[in-house]
C-alpha atoms as a PDB file:
ATOM      1  CA  MET A   1       0.025   0.053  -0.091  1.00  0.00           C
ATOM      2  CA  SER A   2       1.176   3.520  -0.975  1.00  0.00           C
ATOM      3  CA  SER A   3       1.792   6.067   1.820  1.00  0.00           C
ATOM      4  CA  ALA A   4       0.729   9.795   2.095  1.00  0.00           C
ATOM      5  CA  ARG A   5       2.905  12.482   3.223  1.00  0.00           C
ATOM      6  CA  PHE A   6       2.439  16.111   3.891  1.00  0.00           C
ATOM      7  CA  THR A   7       4.447  18.805   2.855  1.00  0.00           C
ATOM      8  CA  THR A   8       5.535  21.378   5.677  1.00  0.00           C
ATOM      9  CA  ARG A   9       3.126  23.798   4.539  1.00  0.00           C
ATOM     10  CA  ALA A  10       0.321  21.429   4.147  1.00  0.00           C
ATOM     11  CA  ARG A  11       1.088  19.961   7.536  1.00  0.00           C
ATOM     12  CA  SER A  12       0.666  23.406   9.078  1.00  0.00           C
ATOM     13  CA  GLU A  13      -2.501  24.368   7.334  1.00  0.00           C
ATOM     14  CA  PHE A  14      -3.834  20.893   8.422  1.00  0.00           C
ATOM     15  CA  LEU A  15      -2.880  21.416  12.085  1.00  0.00           C
ATOM     16  CA  ALA A  16      -4.288  25.232  12.098  1.00  0.00           C
ATOM     17  CA  GLN A  17      -7.592  23.799  10.896  1.00  0.00           C
ATOM     18  CA  ILE A  18      -7.834  21.125  13.587  1.00  0.00           C
ATOM     19  CA  GLN A  19      -7.242  23.672  16.322  1.00  0.00           C
ATOM     20  CA  PHE A  20      -9.715  25.928  14.656  1.00  0.00           C
ATOM     21  CA  TYR A  21     -12.385  23.499  14.411  1.00  0.00           C
ATOM     22  CA  GLU A  22     -11.726  22.094  17.997  1.00  0.00           C
ATOM     23  CA  ALA A  23     -12.182  25.761  19.347  1.00  0.00           C
ATOM     24  CA  LEU A  24     -15.323  25.885  17.611  1.00  0.00           C
ATOM     25  CA  GLN A  25     -16.814  22.806  18.991  1.00  0.00           C
ATOM     26  CA  PRO A  26     -14.958  20.283  21.136  1.00  0.00           C
ATOM     27  CA  GLY A  27     -14.527  17.037  19.279  1.00  0.00           C
ATOM     28  CA  LEU A  28     -14.836  18.722  15.870  1.00  0.00           C
ATOM     29  CA  GLY A  29     -11.196  18.953  15.574  1.00  0.00           C
ATOM     30  CA  ALA A  30     -10.814  15.345  16.105  1.00  0.00           C
ATOM     31  CA  ARG A  31     -13.499  14.673  13.400  1.00  0.00           C
ATOM     32  CA  PHE A  32     -11.813  16.801  10.941  1.00  0.00           C
ATOM     33  CA  ARG A  33      -8.482  15.182  11.552  1.00  0.00           C
ATOM     34  CA  SER A  34     -10.138  11.776  10.901  1.00  0.00           C
ATOM     35  CA  GLU A  35     -11.969  12.908   7.631  1.00  0.00           C
ATOM     36  CA  VAL A  36      -8.764  14.348   6.278  1.00  0.00           C
ATOM     37  CA  GLU A  37      -6.730  11.356   7.155  1.00  0.00           C
ATOM     38  CA  ALA A  38      -9.385   9.205   5.416  1.00  0.00           C
ATOM     39  CA  ALA A  39      -9.331  11.438   2.311  1.00  0.00           C
ATOM     40  CA  ALA A  40      -5.320  11.135   2.303  1.00  0.00           C
ATOM     41  CA  GLN A  41      -5.884   7.175   2.791  1.00  0.00           C
ATOM     42  CA  ARG A  42      -7.951   7.028  -0.139  1.00  0.00           C
ATOM     43  CA  ALA A  43      -5.690   9.170  -2.336  1.00  0.00           C
ATOM     44  CA  ALA A  44      -2.751   6.822  -1.369  1.00  0.00           C
ATOM     45  CA  THR A  45      -4.618   3.656  -2.094  1.00  0.00           C
ATOM     46  CA  PHE A  46      -6.272   5.045  -5.340  1.00  0.00           C
ATOM     47  CA  PRO A  47      -4.220   7.829  -6.383  1.00  0.00           C
ATOM     48  CA  LEU A  48      -5.521   8.206  -9.919  1.00  0.00           C
ATOM     49  CA  HIS A  49      -9.255   8.694  -8.593  1.00  0.00           C
ATOM     50  CA  GLY A  50      -8.725  12.034  -7.397  1.00  0.00           C
ATOM     51  CA  LYS A  51     -10.061  14.984  -9.784  1.00  0.00           C
ATOM     52  CA  PRO A  52      -7.135  16.263 -11.774  1.00  0.00           C
ATOM     53  CA  SER A  53      -6.442  19.867 -10.862  1.00  0.00           C
ATOM     54  CA  ALA A  54      -4.134  22.582 -11.887  1.00  0.00           C
ATOM     55  CA  GLY A  55      -0.306  22.069 -11.904  1.00  0.00           C
ATOM     56  CA  GLY A  56      -0.603  18.229 -12.419  1.00  0.00           C
ATOM     57  CA  ALA A  57      -1.994  17.765  -8.797  1.00  0.00           C
ATOM     58  CA  ARG A  58      -5.252  15.878  -7.937  1.00  0.00           C
ATOM     59  CA  ARG A  59      -7.841  16.504  -5.342  1.00  0.00           C
ATOM     60  CA  ARG A  60      -9.854  14.216  -2.989  1.00  0.00           C
ATOM     61  CA  LEU A  61     -12.775  15.947  -1.102  1.00  0.00           C
ATOM     62  CA  VAL A  62     -12.914  15.671   2.589  1.00  0.00           C
ATOM     63  CA  ALA A  63     -16.176  14.449   3.901  1.00  0.00           C
ATOM     64  CA  SER A  64     -18.279  16.700   5.764  1.00  0.00           C
ATOM     65  CA  PHE A  65     -15.965  19.601   5.475  1.00  0.00           C
ATOM     66  CA  PRO A  66     -15.500  22.246   2.840  1.00  0.00           C
ATOM     67  CA  PHE A  67     -11.893  21.271   2.233  1.00  0.00           C
ATOM     68  CA  SER A  68     -10.173  18.995  -0.139  1.00  0.00           C
ATOM     69  CA  VAL A  69      -6.743  17.244  -0.228  1.00  0.00           C
ATOM     70  CA  VAL A  70      -4.426  18.455  -3.113  1.00  0.00           C
ATOM     71  CA  TYR A  71      -1.672  16.038  -3.785  1.00  0.00           C
ATOM     72  CA  THR A  72       0.596  14.809  -6.620  1.00  0.00           C
ATOM     73  CA  GLN A  73       1.959  11.105  -7.048  1.00  0.00           C
ATOM     74  CA  THR A  74       5.382  10.028  -6.250  1.00  0.00           C
ATOM     75  CA  GLU A  75       7.420   6.740  -6.542  1.00  0.00           C
ATOM     76  CA  THR A  76       6.539   5.907  -2.833  1.00  0.00           C
ATOM     77  CA  GLY A  77       3.088   7.333  -2.553  1.00  0.00           C
ATOM     78  CA  ILE A  78       1.337  10.604  -2.570  1.00  0.00           C
ATOM     79  CA  LEU A  79       2.621  13.978  -1.541  1.00  0.00           C
ATOM     80  CA  ILE A  80      -0.137  16.328  -0.137  1.00  0.00           C
ATOM     81  CA  HIS A  81       0.653  19.855  -1.014  1.00  0.00           C
ATOM     82  CA  ALA A  82      -2.515  21.462   0.603  1.00  0.00           C
ATOM     83  CA  VAL A  83      -5.486  20.622   2.851  1.00  0.00           C
ATOM     84  CA  ALA A  84      -7.216  23.237   0.485  1.00  0.00           C
ATOM     85  CA  ASP A  85     -10.157  25.409   1.948  1.00  0.00           C
ATOM     86  CA  GLY A  86     -12.836  25.651  -0.552  1.00  0.00           C
ATOM     87  CA  ARG A  87     -13.836  29.102   0.570  1.00  0.00           C
ATOM     88  CA  ARG A  88     -10.453  30.362  -0.392  1.00  0.00           C
ATOM     89  CA  PRO A  89      -9.589  31.444  -3.976  1.00  0.00           C
ATOM     90  CA  PRO A  90      -9.170  28.626  -6.342  1.00  0.00           C
ATOM     91  CA  HIS A  91      -5.661  27.213  -6.568  1.00  0.00           C
ATOM     92  CA  TYR A  92      -4.205  29.408  -4.027  1.00  0.00           C
ATOM     93  CA  TRP A  93      -1.970  26.506  -3.324  1.00  0.00           C
ATOM     94  CA  LEU A  94      -0.521  26.269  -6.936  1.00  0.00           C
ATOM     95  CA  GLY A  95       2.732  27.523  -5.923  1.00  0.00           C
ATOM     96  CA  ARG A  96       3.449  24.804  -3.687  1.00  0.00           C
ATOM     97  CA  VAL A  97       3.154  22.353  -6.496  1.00  0.00           C
ATOM     98  CA  CYS A  98       5.088  23.965  -9.280  1.00  0.00           C
END
């Protein structure tokens, strides 16, 4: 089975959102974390199933939250470039991929 790795910026973005959701409602941060990790695992298992996006990246939606996991495929698995907030401008993360 392939693995999923986060870039430093993607990991920081992910952790900040966990904290935000946990402050909003106890337990919601853990739920967000679980859903992002599930999306990342699906992307690692089926990397070509993600929707093609800008810069050669692919996206997997995060269940129950307005986010997607933006990744590229590598020889060892997938590299996650962003836990992209769907409310931000499209492709704000593109500079991380190219």
